[in-house]
């Protein structure tokens, strides 16, 4: 059985590290290179960089290359990846994996092309979902565009096309520190066999336990809890192990 990973998720806007609440109100919280250096010493399994400006301005390869040079753990890079050329640019900048979102919704063949060329372990499909009525709906373009897709159906299609894992974010819980949307996580994990990374809402160590034990997540990603509290990824891993969840040492 795979060990549960703890993944800080860092978002970039205007060349700065930012944090949002429900995908809005982006707050400048510092320097990305400084954040990477801090996480290097905090028992981090992997790290994800999501560039919010890249869909318009393209990948900031110089910044990503500088950040990856300081990053001593596997790195996933996302934001603005629309073509195989973008995938290669991200890999050249130091990514171990690429994260695709809106471009895959517009052109799902991007998943097939990337997995065929680089292997399924290279591609993470990011799904941003919001509660709509009695269920959830996938939104693209940073949460602005409704797609009519349900997250479980889209995750299943992404898996079929060759995605290696799913990064599942609750727009409603993003930045709130009110806990993960367990129902959303369970909807997706019960549908696919590939790993699902739960993201959006972690505010205390117990939230990570619920995402794994109740939601079925294979990995847990978070931002605010690591930026605005004294809780570290190492603390979270200790808490997970104390609750019977195996983590990487």
Protein backbone atom coordinates (compact mmCIF):
# COMPACT_ATOMS: atom_id res chain seq x y z
CA UNK A 1 0.00 0.00 0.00
CA UNK A 2 1.28 3.47 -0.92
CA UNK A 3 2.26 5.72 1.94
CA UNK A 4 0.27 8.92 2.40
CA UNK A 5 2.08 12.00 1.11
CA UNK A 6 1.91 15.52 2.59
CA UNK A 7 2.26 18.20 -0.10
CA UNK A 8 2.52 21.97 0.35
CA UNK A 9 0.78 23.75 -2.53
CA UNK A 10 2.27 27.12 -3.44
CA UNK A 11 0.48 29.56 -5.76
CA UNK A 12 2.29 32.26 -7.73
CA UNK A 13 0.87 35.55 -8.99
CA UNK A 14 2.81 38.60 -10.20
CA UNK A 15 6.03 36.74 -9.36
CA UNK A 16 5.04 36.53 -5.70
CA UNK A 17 3.73 33.84 -3.41
CA UNK A 18 -0.01 34.38 -2.82
CA UNK A 19 -2.92 32.72 -1.04
CA UNK A 20 -6.57 32.96 -1.94
CA UNK A 21 -9.89 32.37 -0.21
CA UNK A 22 -12.37 30.50 -2.40
CA UNK A 23 -10.18 31.33 -5.42
CA UNK A 24 -10.54 35.09 -4.83
CA UNK A 25 -8.94 37.77 -2.66
CA UNK A 26 -5.37 36.78 -3.48
CA UNK A 27 -3.13 37.90 -0.66
CA UNK A 28 0.59 38.46 -1.10
CA UNK A 29 2.34 36.31 1.50
CA UNK A 30 5.98 36.48 0.49
CA UNK A 31 8.75 35.20 -1.70
CA UNK A 32 8.54 31.82 -3.42
CA UNK A 33 12.26 31.05 -3.13
CA UNK A 34 12.22 31.76 0.60
CA UNK A 35 9.20 29.47 1.02
CA UNK A 36 10.94 26.64 -0.83
CA UNK A 37 13.99 26.98 1.40
CA UNK A 38 11.79 26.75 4.49
CA UNK A 39 9.99 23.64 3.26
CA UNK A 40 13.29 21.97 2.38
CA UNK A 41 13.89 21.59 6.10
CA UNK A 42 10.37 20.49 7.04
CA UNK A 43 10.13 16.86 5.96
CA UNK A 44 8.12 17.57 2.81
CA UNK A 45 7.34 14.65 0.47
CA UNK A 46 6.55 16.69 -2.62
CA UNK A 47 5.74 20.27 -3.54
CA UNK A 48 3.33 21.78 -6.07
CA UNK A 49 3.74 25.18 -7.76
CA UNK A 50 0.65 26.61 -9.47
CA UNK A 51 1.27 29.76 -11.53
CA UNK A 52 -1.99 31.72 -11.70
CA UNK A 53 -0.72 34.14 -14.39
CA UNK A 54 0.72 31.55 -16.75
CA UNK A 55 -2.49 30.99 -18.71
CA UNK A 56 -2.06 34.52 -20.10
CA UNK A 57 1.65 35.28 -19.86
CA UNK A 58 3.06 31.78 -20.25
CA UNK A 59 5.26 29.80 -17.91
CA UNK A 60 7.77 31.86 -15.94
CA UNK A 61 10.57 29.42 -16.67
CA UNK A 62 13.31 31.54 -15.10
CA UNK A 63 11.45 31.77 -11.79
CA UNK A 64 10.52 28.10 -11.88
CA UNK A 65 14.09 27.12 -12.69
CA UNK A 66 15.40 29.18 -9.78
CA UNK A 67 12.81 27.70 -7.43
CA UNK A 68 13.45 24.12 -8.55
CA UNK A 69 17.18 24.60 -7.98
CA UNK A 70 16.36 25.20 -4.30
CA UNK A 71 13.78 22.41 -4.14
CA UNK A 72 15.16 19.13 -2.78
CA UNK A 73 11.95 17.14 -3.18
CA UNK A 74 9.83 16.09 -6.20
CA UNK A 75 8.15 19.09 -7.78
CA UNK A 76 4.88 19.41 -9.72
CA UNK A 77 4.42 22.53 -11.84
CA UNK A 78 1.09 23.77 -13.14
CA UNK A 79 -0.55 26.81 -14.64
CA UNK A 80 -0.75 27.68 -18.32
CA UNK A 81 0.27 24.26 -19.60
CA UNK A 82 -1.65 23.91 -22.85
CA UNK A 83 0.62 22.00 -25.23
CA UNK A 84 3.28 19.32 -25.30
CA UNK A 85 5.79 22.15 -25.74
CA UNK A 86 4.60 23.65 -22.46
CA UNK A 87 4.99 20.26 -20.77
CA UNK A 88 8.56 20.01 -22.03
CA UNK A 89 9.29 23.57 -20.87
CA UNK A 90 8.04 22.74 -17.37
CA UNK A 91 10.16 19.59 -17.26
CA UNK A 92 13.17 21.55 -18.49
CA UNK A 93 12.56 24.06 -15.69
CA UNK A 94 12.86 21.28 -13.12
CA UNK A 95 9.41 19.74 -12.81
CA UNK A 96 9.08 16.05 -12.02
CA UNK A 97 5.37 16.23 -12.87
CA UNK A 98 3.11 18.67 -14.68
CA UNK A 99 -0.33 19.75 -13.53
CA UNK A 100 -2.98 20.45 -16.17
CA UNK A 101 -6.41 21.91 -15.59
CA UNK A 102 -8.33 24.24 -17.92
CA UNK A 103 -6.42 23.24 -21.05
CA UNK A 104 -7.36 19.60 -20.51
CA UNK A 105 -11.02 20.57 -20.10
CA UNK A 106 -10.87 22.34 -23.47
CA UNK A 107 -8.74 19.68 -25.18
CA UNK A 108 -8.75 16.38 -23.28
CA UNK A 109 -6.33 14.87 -25.83
CA UNK A 110 -3.58 16.80 -24.02
CA UNK A 111 -3.79 14.13 -21.29
CA UNK A 112 -3.38 11.32 -23.83
CA UNK A 113 -0.48 13.06 -25.56
CA UNK A 114 1.40 13.82 -22.36
CA UNK A 115 0.98 10.38 -20.83
CA UNK A 116 1.93 8.69 -24.11
CA UNK A 117 5.12 10.70 -24.47
CA UNK A 118 6.27 11.04 -20.86
CA UNK A 119 4.38 8.35 -18.96
CA UNK A 120 1.29 8.56 -16.77
CA UNK A 121 3.44 9.26 -13.70
CA UNK A 122 4.28 12.63 -15.26
CA UNK A 123 0.77 14.05 -15.53
CA UNK A 124 -1.49 15.27 -12.74
CA UNK A 125 -4.97 16.42 -13.72
CA UNK A 126 -6.16 19.20 -11.45
CA UNK A 127 -9.91 19.35 -10.83
CA UNK A 128 -11.44 22.42 -9.20
CA UNK A 129 -14.97 21.73 -8.02
CA UNK A 130 -17.72 23.75 -6.38
CA UNK A 131 -20.88 22.54 -4.69
CA UNK A 132 -23.90 23.13 -6.95
CA UNK A 133 -27.30 22.02 -5.71
CA UNK A 134 -27.09 18.53 -4.29
CA UNK A 135 -23.80 17.72 -6.00
CA UNK A 136 -20.56 19.20 -7.29
CA UNK A 137 -19.56 20.72 -10.62
CA UNK A 138 -16.13 21.16 -12.20
CA UNK A 139 -15.07 24.75 -12.92
CA UNK A 140 -12.29 25.90 -15.23
CA UNK A 141 -10.37 29.15 -15.69
CA UNK A 142 -9.52 29.53 -12.04
CA UNK A 143 -13.04 28.77 -10.86
CA UNK A 144 -14.73 31.22 -13.20
CA UNK A 145 -16.20 28.95 -15.87
CA UNK A 146 -18.79 26.25 -15.22
CA UNK A 147 -18.21 23.14 -17.32
CA UNK A 148 -21.32 21.07 -16.70
CA UNK A 149 -19.04 18.16 -15.75
CA UNK A 150 -19.19 16.32 -12.46
CA UNK A 151 -15.83 15.79 -10.75
CA UNK A 152 -16.21 12.02 -10.57
CA UNK A 153 -17.03 11.66 -14.27
CA UNK A 154 -14.21 13.99 -15.31
CA UNK A 155 -11.74 12.20 -13.03
CA UNK A 156 -12.76 8.86 -14.57
CA UNK A 157 -12.20 10.21 -18.08
CA UNK A 158 -8.84 11.68 -17.07
CA UNK A 159 -7.81 8.30 -15.67
CA UNK A 160 -8.87 6.56 -18.88
CA UNK A 161 -6.83 9.01 -20.94
CA UNK A 162 -3.68 8.34 -18.93
CA UNK A 163 -3.58 10.70 -15.94
CA UNK A 164 -1.32 9.42 -13.19
CA UNK A 165 -3.13 11.18 -10.36
CA UNK A 166 -5.82 13.73 -9.60
CA UNK A 167 -5.33 16.97 -7.65
CA UNK A 168 -8.83 17.62 -6.32
CA UNK A 169 -9.53 21.07 -4.90
CA UNK A 170 -12.72 22.28 -3.26
CA UNK A 171 -13.29 25.89 -4.32
CA UNK A 172 -15.76 26.33 -1.46
CA UNK A 173 -13.15 25.30 1.15
CA UNK A 174 -10.09 26.94 -0.43
CA UNK A 175 -8.30 29.14 2.10
CA UNK A 176 -11.05 28.81 4.70
CA UNK A 177 -9.22 26.34 6.98
CA UNK A 178 -12.63 24.80 7.76
CA UNK A 179 -11.70 21.26 6.77
CA UNK A 180 -11.70 19.31 3.52
CA UNK A 181 -14.92 18.60 1.63
CA UNK A 182 -15.05 14.90 2.49
CA UNK A 183 -18.11 14.21 0.33
CA UNK A 184 -16.33 15.63 -2.72
CA UNK A 185 -13.20 13.58 -2.05
CA UNK A 186 -15.18 10.40 -1.55
CA UNK A 187 -17.12 10.94 -4.79
CA UNK A 188 -13.87 10.91 -6.74
CA UNK A 189 -11.84 8.32 -4.82
CA UNK A 190 -14.70 5.83 -5.10
CA UNK A 191 -14.68 6.26 -8.88
CA UNK A 192 -11.00 6.07 -9.86
CA UNK A 193 -8.10 3.78 -9.04
CA UNK A 194 -5.32 6.34 -9.45
CA UNK A 195 -4.17 8.39 -6.45
CA UNK A 196 -6.27 11.40 -5.48
CA UNK A 197 -4.61 14.37 -3.76
CA UNK A 198 -7.10 16.20 -1.54
CA UNK A 199 -6.73 19.98 -1.44
CA UNK A 200 -8.66 22.93 -0.05
CA UNK A 201 -9.67 23.59 3.55
CA UNK A 202 -7.11 22.02 5.88
CA UNK A 203 -6.99 23.97 9.14
CA UNK A 204 -5.89 21.44 11.78
CA UNK A 205 -4.09 18.08 11.81
CA UNK A 206 -7.34 16.16 12.28
CA UNK A 207 -8.57 17.44 8.89
CA UNK A 208 -5.81 15.48 7.16
CA UNK A 209 -6.84 12.31 8.98
CA UNK A 210 -10.45 12.71 7.83
CA UNK A 211 -9.35 13.30 4.21
CA UNK A 212 -7.53 9.96 4.23
CA UNK A 213 -9.70 7.79 6.48
CA UNK A 214 -13.13 9.13 5.50
CA UNK A 215 -12.42 10.54 2.06
CA UNK A 216 -10.02 7.90 0.78
CA UNK A 217 -7.36 10.38 -0.35
CA UNK A 218 -3.93 8.99 -1.20
CA UNK A 219 -2.22 12.31 -0.47
CA UNK A 220 -3.09 15.58 1.23
CA UNK A 221 -2.16 19.03 -0.05
CA UNK A 222 -2.49 22.29 1.83
CA UNK A 223 -1.32 25.89 1.87
CA UNK A 224 -2.86 28.15 4.53
CA UNK A 225 -2.20 25.85 7.48
CA UNK A 226 1.52 25.81 6.63
CA UNK A 227 1.68 29.55 5.93
CA UNK A 228 -0.45 31.00 8.73
CA UNK A 229 0.05 28.60 11.67
CA UNK A 230 2.94 26.94 13.44
CA UNK A 231 1.90 23.52 12.13
CA UNK A 232 4.46 21.98 9.78
CA UNK A 233 4.29 19.05 7.35
CA UNK A 234 6.35 17.04 9.85
CA UNK A 235 3.72 17.72 12.53
CA UNK A 236 0.99 16.54 10.17
CA UNK A 237 2.88 13.35 9.34
CA UNK A 238 3.41 12.62 13.03
CA UNK A 239 -0.33 13.10 13.64
CA UNK A 240 -1.25 10.87 10.70
CA UNK A 241 1.02 8.10 11.99
CA UNK A 242 -0.43 8.45 15.48
CA UNK A 243 -3.82 7.77 13.90
CA UNK A 244 -2.69 4.64 12.09
CA UNK A 245 -1.93 6.21 8.70
CA UNK A 246 1.43 5.26 7.22
CA UNK A 247 3.50 8.16 5.89
CA UNK A 248 6.89 8.61 4.33
CA UNK A 249 9.76 9.08 6.76
